[in-house]
Amino acid sequence: MRQRLAMRGRLLLAPLAGAIAAFGQAPYELPILLFAGLVAAFWLFRAQSGGPMRAALLGWGFGFGYFLHALQWIVSPFMVDVARHGWMAPFALILLAAGMALFWGLAFGLARWIAPKRGLALALTWAAVELLRAYIFTGFPWAMPAQGLVGVMAGQGLAWVGPYALNLWLFAIAAILLLRGPLSLRLGQGALALSTVLLLLLPPQAPPAVLTENVVRLVQPNAAQRDKWNPDTFEFYFSRQLDYTAAAPQDEGAAPDLVIWPETAIPWSLDMAGSALDEIGAASDVPVVLGVQRRSNMRYFNSLVVLDEGGAVDQLYDKHHLVPFGEYMPLGDLMARFGIHGLAAQEGNGFSSGPGAQVLDLGPLGAALPLICYEAVFAHDVNAAPARPAFLMQVTNDAWFGKAAGPRQHLAQARMRAIEQGLPMARAANTGISAMIDPQGRVIASLPLNSAGFIDAPLPAPLAPTLYSRSGDLPMILLLTLCLAGLAVARRRSPGNAD
């Protein structure tokens, strides 16, 4: 009876440990608590008896507590139109947290099946399912553990090994610290713990970014989502963006070379926006980049255009990695019969996806890789660029994400992409946080969340291509495949493996 109560107690502790680990993510940004939560998860795994199903339940509980806390911002999109979508909010949060936790439950169950009690086996399976989470069903790697490291020294490892190997590093350290052995091992664990804590506490130690002579103006209109499409208010926000575009330089003699407006910056589709584009051209004597919806043969696209100095469309990019349930509905034709459409869909069953990653030529600024909102979440999307750009350029409408955790977590992922590629990022967000990010992921200029304004920021110079930008995720996939295959073979030969 006492043993059964202890087992149930550990199952109850798992969601609490997961919720503590989520303090590593924005807006808290306390990676030391993330690491403490991971160590607790490995301890619970070792201490919990039973087979793979019980281990899977433990991992699911830890993941449920983690994602319920980290992804609580997901209710915000459903509160924009409360009458239509508000009832979905609690279900969306609970179901999303429960669904993401299934991946972590799989990791715990698989580790127990392959090598009972081996924490290092769990480190491998956990890293594997986090990589799987980024790819399967179009992927949703939001709130991965490595995301919590973007503001500390450990996060600079993204340039070398990428986010999924950094996950493995975190998991492996947590597992190693719980190994049992002689005094020499314990001394080594102490040194490892101290160095890990320093890497999780200290900011990046790198020289200031080298700045080019090019200046980018980032425009932030701060239009609440319910006002963006309201005929009584959208003219006000359009005029605000025109005023910011035409404003004098913030620093004398440093006129902008490029102006960037956020995602869906105007309420008209591109085919109906002729006069609006003329006004934008009249407000600026340099190219303007903005997000816009467009129609083509009864298909809708979430797009980005580059306007020349006269307001004519010079280049066009269509978003290719769409948000499921937001910009399109899986099984959309079936769902439409029941009146269920994506939250951001204007007509029909949602948006169509573009052909893929594309590099835009922005003249003296060099080539830019455009990312529309959600696309900055995926490291492999950025690695899929047909050529290496001079900088990354994200336009986003984070008004969907609420006023706290969501926009800050989205910014953290933009910073991850900059570190991984060794490239600066110019980021224009409707309600914030608009920012110029250097190749080490540091924000060198920004506008606060939920404020209106613009900033003229010098564009940092790119660094040399990083190791991760050259290799991508293939080495990590091969490493995990070989290690897990080796453990599976060892299990067949000696199923009683234990630490």
Protein backbone atom coordinates (compact mmCIF):
# COMPACT_ATOMS: atom_id res chain seq x y z
CA MET A 1 0.00 0.00 0.00
CA ARG A 2 2.78 2.45 0.90
CA GLN A 3 4.55 1.73 -2.38
CA ARG A 4 1.33 2.32 -4.32
CA LEU A 5 0.81 5.66 -2.59
CA ALA A 6 4.38 6.67 -3.40
CA MET A 7 3.83 5.79 -7.04
CA ARG A 8 0.66 7.89 -7.17
CA GLY A 9 2.46 10.73 -5.44
CA ARG A 10 5.13 10.78 -8.12
CA LEU A 11 2.44 10.84 -10.80
CA LEU A 12 0.91 13.87 -9.07
CA LEU A 13 4.28 15.59 -8.74
CA ALA A 14 5.00 15.29 -12.46
CA PRO A 15 2.58 18.06 -13.64
CA LEU A 16 3.89 20.36 -10.90
CA ALA A 17 7.48 19.78 -11.98
CA GLY A 18 6.44 20.45 -15.58
CA ALA A 19 4.75 23.72 -14.63
CA ILE A 20 7.93 24.80 -12.81
CA ALA A 21 10.04 23.95 -15.87
CA ALA A 22 7.83 26.25 -17.98
CA PHE A 23 9.19 29.24 -16.03
CA GLY A 24 12.18 28.93 -18.35
CA GLN A 25 10.08 30.31 -21.18
CA ALA A 26 9.12 33.95 -21.75
CA PRO A 27 7.81 36.08 -20.17
CA TYR A 28 9.68 34.71 -17.12
CA GLU A 29 12.92 33.68 -18.87
CA LEU A 30 14.33 31.71 -15.94
CA PRO A 31 16.26 28.87 -17.60
CA ILE A 32 17.60 27.70 -14.25
CA LEU A 33 14.04 26.72 -13.29
CA LEU A 34 13.64 24.98 -16.64
CA PHE A 35 16.72 22.92 -15.87
CA ALA A 36 15.56 22.20 -12.32
CA GLY A 37 12.25 20.93 -13.69
CA LEU A 38 14.06 18.66 -16.15
CA VAL A 39 16.23 17.22 -13.38
CA ALA A 40 13.04 16.54 -11.40
CA ALA A 41 11.56 14.76 -14.42
CA PHE A 42 14.59 12.48 -14.71
CA TRP A 43 14.48 11.76 -10.98
CA LEU A 44 10.79 10.86 -11.22
CA PHE A 45 11.53 8.59 -14.17
CA ARG A 46 14.23 6.74 -12.24
CA ALA A 47 12.16 6.49 -9.07
CA GLN A 48 8.91 5.41 -10.71
CA SER A 49 8.50 1.65 -10.96
CA GLY A 50 6.35 -0.15 -13.48
CA GLY A 51 6.46 -0.72 -17.20
CA PRO A 52 6.37 1.51 -20.27
CA MET A 53 2.71 2.50 -19.86
CA ARG A 54 3.26 3.83 -16.34
CA ALA A 55 6.38 5.68 -17.50
CA ALA A 56 4.42 7.13 -20.42
CA LEU A 57 1.75 8.38 -18.01
CA LEU A 58 4.46 10.02 -15.91
CA GLY A 59 5.96 11.74 -18.97
CA TRP A 60 2.52 12.80 -20.16
CA GLY A 61 1.79 14.35 -16.76
CA PHE A 62 5.05 16.29 -16.79
CA GLY A 63 4.38 17.48 -20.34
CA PHE A 64 0.79 18.43 -19.54
CA GLY A 65 1.87 20.67 -16.66
CA TYR A 66 4.62 22.18 -18.79
CA PHE A 67 2.56 22.95 -21.87
CA LEU A 68 -0.50 24.04 -19.91
CA HIS A 69 1.67 26.75 -18.34
CA ALA A 70 3.87 27.62 -21.33
CA LEU A 71 1.06 27.74 -23.90
CA GLN A 72 -1.61 29.50 -21.85
CA TRP A 73 -1.52 32.36 -24.36
CA ILE A 74 -3.32 30.10 -26.88
CA VAL A 75 -6.67 31.25 -25.47
CA SER A 76 -6.07 34.78 -26.80
CA PRO A 77 -7.01 34.18 -30.46
CA PHE A 78 -10.35 32.76 -29.38
CA MET A 79 -11.15 35.87 -27.35
CA VAL A 80 -10.95 38.25 -30.33
CA ASP A 81 -14.47 37.24 -31.38
CA VAL A 82 -15.84 35.97 -28.08
CA ALA A 83 -19.35 35.37 -29.36
CA ARG A 84 -18.12 33.11 -32.14
CA HIS A 85 -15.01 31.45 -30.74
CA GLY A 86 -14.86 32.16 -27.00
CA TRP A 87 -16.35 28.82 -26.03
CA MET A 88 -13.42 27.06 -27.70
CA ALA A 89 -10.71 28.76 -25.60
CA PRO A 90 -10.50 26.38 -22.60
CA PHE A 91 -10.84 23.34 -24.85
CA ALA A 92 -8.09 24.64 -27.11
CA LEU A 93 -5.65 25.09 -24.23
CA ILE A 94 -6.41 21.77 -22.57
CA LEU A 95 -6.42 19.80 -25.80
CA LEU A 96 -3.25 21.43 -27.10
CA ALA A 97 -1.41 20.84 -23.82
CA ALA A 98 -2.66 17.26 -23.70
CA GLY A 99 -1.68 16.68 -27.33
CA MET A 100 1.82 18.09 -26.96
CA ALA A 101 2.24 16.06 -23.76
CA LEU A 102 1.62 12.88 -25.75
CA PHE A 103 5.03 13.37 -27.38
CA TRP A 104 6.73 13.53 -24.00
CA GLY A 105 4.70 10.55 -22.78
CA LEU A 106 5.97 8.64 -25.81
CA ALA A 107 9.55 9.56 -24.92
CA PHE A 108 9.19 8.29 -21.34
CA GLY A 109 7.42 5.08 -22.37
CA LEU A 110 9.89 4.30 -25.14
CA ALA A 111 12.86 4.94 -22.83
CA ARG A 112 11.45 2.56 -20.21
CA TRP A 113 10.88 -0.10 -22.88
CA ILE A 114 14.36 0.24 -24.40
CA ALA A 115 16.42 0.56 -21.23
CA PRO A 116 14.59 0.48 -17.89
CA LYS A 117 15.85 3.13 -15.45
CA ARG A 118 18.47 4.48 -17.87
CA GLY A 119 18.25 8.25 -17.77
CA LEU A 120 20.49 8.61 -20.80
CA ALA A 121 18.02 6.51 -22.80
CA LEU A 122 15.33 9.01 -21.82
CA ALA A 123 17.58 11.89 -22.92
CA LEU A 124 17.79 10.30 -26.38
CA THR A 125 14.09 9.48 -26.74
CA TRP A 126 13.07 12.90 -25.42
CA ALA A 127 15.34 14.67 -27.91
CA ALA A 128 13.95 12.45 -30.66
CA VAL A 129 10.30 13.25 -29.96
CA GLU A 130 11.09 16.98 -29.74
CA LEU A 131 12.57 16.75 -33.22
CA LEU A 132 9.53 14.76 -34.33
CA ARG A 133 7.25 17.44 -32.86
CA ALA A 134 8.86 20.00 -35.18
CA TYR A 135 8.08 18.03 -38.32
CA ILE A 136 5.04 15.78 -37.95
CA PHE A 137 1.61 17.12 -39.00
CA THR A 138 3.36 20.30 -40.30
CA GLY A 139 5.09 20.66 -36.91
CA PHE A 140 4.63 22.71 -33.75
CA PRO A 141 7.99 23.09 -31.93
CA TRP A 142 6.76 26.02 -29.84
CA ALA A 143 8.10 26.10 -26.25
CA MET A 144 10.80 23.50 -26.82
CA PRO A 145 13.27 23.51 -23.90
CA ALA A 146 16.05 25.06 -26.03
CA GLN A 147 13.81 28.08 -26.61
CA GLY A 148 14.33 29.05 -22.96
CA LEU A 149 18.10 29.41 -23.51
CA VAL A 150 18.05 32.18 -26.12
CA GLY A 151 19.09 34.93 -23.68
CA VAL A 152 21.99 33.11 -21.96
CA MET A 153 25.40 31.76 -22.96
CA ALA A 154 24.06 28.25 -23.50
CA GLY A 155 21.82 29.56 -26.26
CA GLN A 156 24.82 30.44 -28.42
CA GLY A 157 25.16 26.71 -29.01
CA LEU A 158 22.31 27.09 -31.50
CA ALA A 159 24.85 28.38 -34.04
CA TRP A 160 26.86 25.18 -33.73
CA VAL A 161 24.38 22.36 -33.28
CA GLY A 162 20.89 23.82 -33.68
CA PRO A 163 17.87 23.65 -31.37
CA TYR A 164 17.30 19.90 -31.23
CA ALA A 165 20.87 19.05 -30.29
CA LEU A 166 20.67 21.76 -27.63
CA ASN A 167 17.59 19.97 -26.28
CA LEU A 168 19.67 16.78 -26.13
CA TRP A 169 22.42 18.62 -24.25
CA LEU A 170 19.94 19.78 -21.61
CA PHE A 171 18.41 16.34 -21.22
CA ALA A 172 21.78 14.57 -21.10
CA ILE A 173 23.16 16.89 -18.41
CA ALA A 174 20.05 16.34 -16.28
CA ALA A 175 20.46 12.57 -16.68
CA ILE A 176 24.20 12.56 -15.92
CA LEU A 177 23.71 14.52 -12.70
CA LEU A 178 21.54 11.67 -11.37
CA LEU A 179 23.99 8.85 -12.12
CA ARG A 180 25.26 6.91 -9.11
CA GLY A 181 28.90 6.03 -8.74
CA PRO A 182 32.19 6.55 -6.91
CA LEU A 183 33.59 9.78 -5.53
CA SER A 184 35.32 10.65 -8.81
CA LEU A 185 31.95 10.58 -10.59
CA ARG A 186 30.36 12.78 -7.93
CA LEU A 187 33.20 15.29 -8.23
CA GLY A 188 32.74 15.34 -11.99
CA GLN A 189 29.01 15.83 -11.53
CA GLY A 190 29.67 18.79 -9.26
CA ALA A 191 31.91 20.44 -11.85
CA LEU A 192 29.35 19.73 -14.56
CA ALA A 193 26.54 21.19 -12.47
CA LEU A 194 28.52 24.36 -11.76
CA SER A 195 29.44 24.92 -15.42
CA THR A 196 25.85 24.27 -16.50
CA VAL A 197 24.48 26.77 -13.99
CA LEU A 198 26.91 29.41 -15.25
CA LEU A 199 25.87 28.75 -18.86
CA LEU A 200 22.23 29.12 -17.82
CA LEU A 201 22.71 32.35 -15.88
CA LEU A 202 25.29 34.42 -17.75
CA PRO A 203 24.34 36.51 -20.80
CA PRO A 204 26.10 35.85 -24.12
CA GLN A 205 29.76 36.82 -24.03
CA ALA A 206 30.36 38.23 -27.51
CA PRO A 207 31.61 41.56 -28.88
CA PRO A 208 29.04 44.11 -30.06
CA ALA A 209 27.58 43.48 -33.48
CA VAL A 210 29.22 45.12 -36.48
CA LEU A 211 26.70 47.57 -37.95
CA THR A 212 26.33 48.40 -41.61
CA GLU A 213 25.53 51.87 -42.92
CA ASN A 214 22.04 50.74 -43.91
CA VAL A 215 19.10 51.83 -41.76
CA VAL A 216 15.78 49.99 -41.56
CA ARG A 217 12.60 51.64 -40.30
CA LEU A 218 10.29 49.25 -38.45
CA VAL A 219 6.67 50.42 -38.24
CA GLN A 220 4.40 49.26 -35.40
CA PRO A 221 0.79 50.56 -35.70
CA ASN A 222 -0.51 48.70 -32.60
CA ALA A 223 -3.90 47.81 -34.07
CA ALA A 224 -5.89 45.50 -31.83
CA GLN A 225 -7.01 42.41 -33.71
CA ARG A 226 -10.67 43.36 -33.41
CA ASP A 227 -9.87 46.76 -34.96
CA LYS A 228 -7.72 45.64 -37.90
CA TRP A 229 -10.73 44.76 -40.06
CA ASN A 230 -13.26 47.16 -38.52
CA PRO A 231 -14.39 49.73 -41.16
CA ASP A 232 -14.70 52.35 -38.40
CA THR A 233 -11.04 52.03 -37.34
CA PHE A 234 -8.83 50.56 -40.06
CA GLU A 235 -8.40 53.90 -41.86
CA PHE A 236 -6.95 55.32 -38.64
CA TYR A 237 -4.28 52.63 -38.45
CA PHE A 238 -3.50 52.91 -42.14
CA SER A 239 -2.98 56.66 -41.74
CA ARG A 240 -0.80 56.04 -38.69
CA GLN A 241 1.49 53.81 -40.72
CA LEU A 242 1.65 56.41 -43.50
CA ASP A 243 2.62 59.07 -40.95
CA TYR A 244 5.33 56.88 -39.45
CA THR A 245 6.65 56.10 -42.93
CA ALA A 246 6.84 59.77 -43.92
CA ALA A 247 8.31 60.94 -40.58
CA ALA A 248 11.76 62.52 -40.42
CA PRO A 249 14.70 60.26 -39.48
CA GLN A 250 15.11 59.68 -35.75
CA ASP A 251 18.85 60.35 -36.10
CA GLU A 252 19.91 63.29 -38.24
CA GLY A 253 21.69 62.11 -41.36
CA ALA A 254 20.53 58.49 -40.92
CA ALA A 255 17.56 58.32 -43.26
CA PRO A 256 16.08 54.83 -43.65
CA ASP A 257 16.99 52.74 -46.68
CA LEU A 258 14.02 50.43 -46.20
CA VAL A 259 10.67 50.63 -44.41
CA ILE A 260 8.95 47.49 -43.10
CA TRP A 261 5.27 47.31 -42.14
CA PRO A 262 3.88 44.25 -40.31
CA GLU A 263 1.80 41.29 -41.48
CA THR A 264 -1.59 42.12 -43.06
CA ALA A 265 -0.70 45.79 -42.63
CA ILE A 266 -3.58 47.00 -44.82
CA PRO A 267 -7.21 45.83 -44.77
CA TRP A 268 -7.56 45.55 -48.54
CA SER A 269 -6.55 42.58 -50.64
CA LEU A 270 -3.71 43.30 -53.02
CA ASP A 271 -5.95 43.37 -56.10
CA MET A 272 -8.13 46.05 -54.46
CA ALA A 273 -5.33 48.14 -52.91
CA GLY A 274 -4.20 50.26 -55.86
CA SER A 275 -4.91 53.68 -54.33
CA ALA A 276 -3.53 52.58 -50.94
CA LEU A 277 -0.28 51.48 -52.57
CA ASP A 278 -0.05 54.85 -54.31
CA GLU A 279 -0.37 56.57 -50.93
CA ILE A 280 2.36 54.38 -49.48
CA GLY A 281 4.61 55.20 -52.41
CA ALA A 282 3.96 58.91 -51.93
CA ALA A 283 4.87 58.66 -48.22
CA SER A 284 8.28 57.09 -48.83
CA ASP A 285 11.17 57.62 -51.21
CA VAL A 286 12.63 54.19 -50.36
CA PRO A 287 11.19 50.68 -50.83
CA VAL A 288 8.45 49.60 -48.43
CA VAL A 289 7.84 45.98 -47.40
CA LEU A 290 4.43 45.07 -46.04
CA GLY A 291 2.21 42.11 -45.37
CA VAL A 292 -1.01 41.87 -47.37
CA GLN A 293 -3.66 39.36 -48.33
CA ARG A 294 -4.13 38.62 -51.99
CA ARG A 295 -6.55 36.72 -54.21
CA SER A 296 -5.68 34.71 -57.28
CA ASN A 297 -8.16 32.48 -59.14
CA MET A 298 -10.40 32.27 -56.07
CA ARG A 299 -7.49 31.26 -53.87
CA TYR A 300 -6.34 33.41 -50.95
CA PHE A 301 -2.74 33.92 -49.87
CA ASN A 302 -1.09 35.51 -46.85
CA SER A 303 1.57 37.46 -48.69
CA LEU A 304 4.39 39.97 -48.44
CA VAL A 305 5.18 42.53 -51.11
CA VAL A 306 8.08 44.87 -51.79
CA LEU A 307 6.89 48.22 -53.13
CA ASP A 308 9.29 50.36 -55.12
CA GLU A 309 9.66 54.09 -54.55
CA GLY A 310 6.53 54.76 -56.61
CA GLY A 311 4.32 52.28 -54.76
CA ALA A 312 4.33 49.60 -57.47
CA VAL A 313 4.70 45.94 -56.51
CA ASP A 314 8.29 45.00 -57.25
CA GLN A 315 8.50 41.56 -55.57
CA LEU A 316 6.00 39.14 -54.05
CA TYR A 317 6.24 36.31 -51.54
CA ASP A 318 3.42 33.98 -50.45
CA LYS A 319 3.55 32.37 -47.02
CA HIS A 320 4.11 28.64 -47.41
CA HIS A 321 3.99 27.32 -43.83
CA LEU A 322 0.44 28.05 -42.71
CA VAL A 323 -1.05 27.79 -39.22
CA PRO A 324 -3.37 24.77 -38.93
CA PHE A 325 -6.76 25.68 -37.48
CA GLY A 326 -5.78 29.35 -37.86
CA GLU A 327 -5.10 29.99 -41.54
CA TYR A 328 -6.53 26.74 -42.79
CA MET A 329 -8.51 23.81 -41.47
CA PRO A 330 -7.23 20.28 -41.81
CA LEU A 331 -9.97 18.39 -43.68
CA GLY A 332 -11.25 21.85 -44.56
CA ASP A 333 -13.99 20.75 -46.98
CA LEU A 334 -15.48 18.47 -44.33
CA MET A 335 -15.17 21.02 -41.55
CA ALA A 336 -16.76 23.75 -43.69
CA ARG A 337 -19.95 21.69 -43.89
CA PHE A 338 -20.30 22.21 -40.16
CA GLY A 339 -19.47 25.93 -40.38
CA ILE A 340 -15.99 25.52 -38.91
CA HIS A 341 -13.29 27.66 -40.55
CA GLY A 342 -9.78 28.80 -39.63
CA LEU A 343 -9.67 31.76 -37.23
CA ALA A 344 -7.90 33.99 -39.76
CA ALA A 345 -9.77 32.82 -42.84
CA GLN A 346 -11.64 35.55 -44.67
CA GLU A 347 -13.43 33.41 -47.21
CA GLY A 348 -13.84 29.73 -47.93
CA ASN A 349 -11.80 27.20 -46.02
CA GLY A 350 -8.72 29.35 -45.43
CA PHE A 351 -5.52 30.32 -47.17
CA SER A 352 -3.47 28.49 -49.77
CA SER A 353 0.24 27.93 -49.22
CA GLY A 354 2.96 29.44 -51.39
CA PRO A 355 5.60 27.42 -53.23
CA GLY A 356 8.29 27.65 -50.54
CA ALA A 357 11.15 29.70 -49.14
CA GLN A 358 12.24 32.60 -51.33
CA VAL A 359 15.01 35.20 -51.20
CA LEU A 360 14.20 38.81 -52.13
CA ASP A 361 16.66 41.28 -53.62
CA LEU A 362 16.61 44.53 -51.63
CA GLY A 363 19.33 46.34 -53.52
CA PRO A 364 22.07 47.91 -51.39
CA LEU A 365 20.82 46.10 -48.26
CA GLY A 366 21.43 42.75 -49.93
CA ALA A 367 19.19 39.72 -50.14
CA ALA A 368 16.54 39.08 -47.47
CA LEU A 369 14.71 35.90 -46.50
CA PRO A 370 11.08 36.84 -45.74
CA LEU A 371 9.28 35.07 -42.91
CA ILE A 372 5.61 35.69 -42.27
CA CYS A 373 4.64 35.23 -38.62
CA TYR A 374 4.55 31.48 -37.85
CA GLU A 375 7.34 30.68 -40.32
CA ALA A 376 9.95 31.99 -37.87
CA VAL A 377 9.04 29.12 -35.52
CA PHE A 378 10.71 26.53 -37.77
CA ALA A 379 14.49 26.27 -37.95
CA HIS A 380 14.29 23.95 -40.96
CA ASP A 381 12.16 26.46 -42.90
CA VAL A 382 14.92 29.04 -42.56
CA ASN A 383 17.54 26.46 -43.54
CA ALA A 384 15.49 25.73 -46.65
CA ALA A 385 16.33 29.11 -48.22
CA PRO A 386 17.54 28.68 -51.82
CA ALA A 387 20.54 30.96 -51.09
CA ARG A 388 22.08 32.53 -48.00
CA PRO A 389 20.61 36.02 -47.48
CA ALA A 390 22.24 39.05 -45.89
CA PHE A 391 19.49 39.22 -43.27
CA LEU A 392 16.21 37.68 -42.14
CA MET A 393 13.03 39.74 -42.33
CA GLN A 394 9.93 38.82 -40.35
CA VAL A 395 6.54 40.49 -40.56
CA THR A 396 4.01 39.34 -38.01
CA ASN A 397 0.67 40.15 -36.44
CA ASP A 398 1.19 39.11 -32.84
CA ALA A 399 -2.09 40.77 -31.84
CA TRP A 400 -3.45 37.23 -32.09
CA PHE A 401 -1.14 36.08 -29.29
CA GLY A 402 -2.35 38.26 -26.43
CA LYS A 403 -0.48 40.79 -24.33
CA ALA A 404 2.12 38.81 -22.41
CA ALA A 405 3.64 35.38 -23.01
CA GLY A 406 2.70 34.74 -26.64
CA PRO A 407 4.41 37.72 -28.31
CA ARG A 408 7.49 37.37 -26.11
CA GLN A 409 7.82 33.67 -26.88
CA HIS A 410 7.46 34.43 -30.58
CA LEU A 411 10.25 37.00 -30.29
CA ALA A 412 12.43 34.38 -28.55
CA GLN A 413 12.00 32.08 -31.55
CA ALA A 414 12.97 34.89 -33.93
CA ARG A 415 16.13 35.37 -31.87
CA MET A 416 16.82 31.63 -32.15
CA ARG A 417 16.69 31.79 -35.94
CA ALA A 418 19.18 34.69 -35.94
CA ILE A 419 21.67 32.74 -33.80
CA GLU A 420 21.27 29.55 -35.81
CA GLN A 421 22.02 31.31 -39.08
CA GLY A 422 24.50 33.93 -37.89
CA LEU A 423 22.26 36.52 -39.51
CA PRO A 424 20.55 39.68 -38.27
CA MET A 425 16.77 39.85 -38.31
CA ALA A 426 14.55 42.88 -38.92
CA ARG A 427 11.18 42.19 -37.30
CA ALA A 428 8.04 44.31 -37.71
CA ALA A 429 5.12 43.29 -35.49
CA ASN A 430 1.70 44.93 -35.49
CA THR A 431 1.34 45.21 -31.71
CA GLY A 432 4.96 44.40 -30.90
CA ILE A 433 7.56 43.44 -30.22
CA SER A 434 9.17 45.01 -33.31
CA ALA A 435 12.93 44.62 -33.09
CA MET A 436 16.29 44.63 -34.80
CA ILE A 437 18.10 41.48 -33.74
CA ASP A 438 21.83 40.93 -34.21
CA PRO A 439 23.44 37.62 -35.33
CA GLN A 440 23.98 36.58 -31.68
CA GLY A 441 20.24 36.89 -31.04
CA ARG A 442 20.57 40.13 -29.04
CA VAL A 443 17.88 42.79 -29.45
CA ILE A 444 19.73 46.01 -30.30
CA ALA A 445 16.64 48.17 -30.89
CA SER A 446 12.97 47.52 -30.20
CA LEU A 447 9.52 48.95 -29.63
CA PRO A 448 7.66 47.87 -26.48
CA LEU A 449 4.75 45.48 -26.62
CA ASN A 450 1.33 47.09 -27.10
CA SER A 451 2.66 50.50 -28.13
CA ALA A 452 2.56 52.46 -31.38
CA GLY A 453 5.60 53.98 -33.04
CA PHE A 454 8.56 53.34 -35.29
CA ILE A 455 12.28 52.88 -34.91
CA ASP A 456 15.15 53.56 -37.29
CA ALA A 457 17.68 50.83 -36.60
CA PRO A 458 21.04 50.18 -38.29
CA LEU A 459 21.18 46.77 -39.93
CA PRO A 460 23.89 44.55 -38.41
CA ALA A 461 26.33 42.80 -40.71
CA PRO A 462 25.98 39.03 -41.09
CA LEU A 463 28.49 36.62 -39.60
CA ALA A 464 30.11 33.77 -41.49
CA PRO A 465 27.76 30.83 -42.13
CA THR A 466 27.28 28.83 -38.93
CA LEU A 467 27.86 25.10 -38.64
CA TYR A 468 24.14 24.54 -38.13
CA SER A 469 23.21 26.60 -41.19
CA ARG A 470 25.45 24.31 -43.25
CA SER A 471 24.39 20.98 -41.76
CA GLY A 472 20.77 21.45 -40.72
CA ASP A 473 19.06 18.69 -38.76
CA LEU A 474 20.43 15.69 -40.68
CA PRO A 475 23.40 14.99 -38.33
CA MET A 476 21.07 15.07 -35.33
CA ILE A 477 18.58 12.77 -37.02
CA LEU A 478 21.35 10.30 -37.86
CA LEU A 479 22.84 10.45 -34.36
CA LEU A 480 19.53 9.80 -32.64
CA THR A 481 18.64 7.03 -35.07
CA LEU A 482 21.95 5.22 -34.53
CA CYS A 483 21.89 5.61 -30.73
CA LEU A 484 18.30 4.45 -30.37
CA ALA A 485 18.88 1.55 -32.75
CA GLY A 486 21.91 0.55 -30.68
CA LEU A 487 19.87 0.63 -27.47
CA ALA A 488 17.15 -1.43 -29.09
CA VAL A 489 19.70 -4.08 -30.15
CA ALA A 490 21.20 -4.06 -26.65
CA ARG A 491 17.75 -4.56 -25.16
CA ARG A 492 17.21 -7.70 -27.22
CA ARG A 493 20.52 -9.10 -26.00
CA SER A 494 20.19 -7.99 -22.37
CA PRO A 495 16.66 -6.85 -21.46
CA GLY A 496 17.64 -6.26 -17.84
CA ASN A 497 19.73 -3.14 -18.51
CA ALA A 498 19.90 -0.74 -15.58
CA ASP A 499 22.20 1.97 -14.26
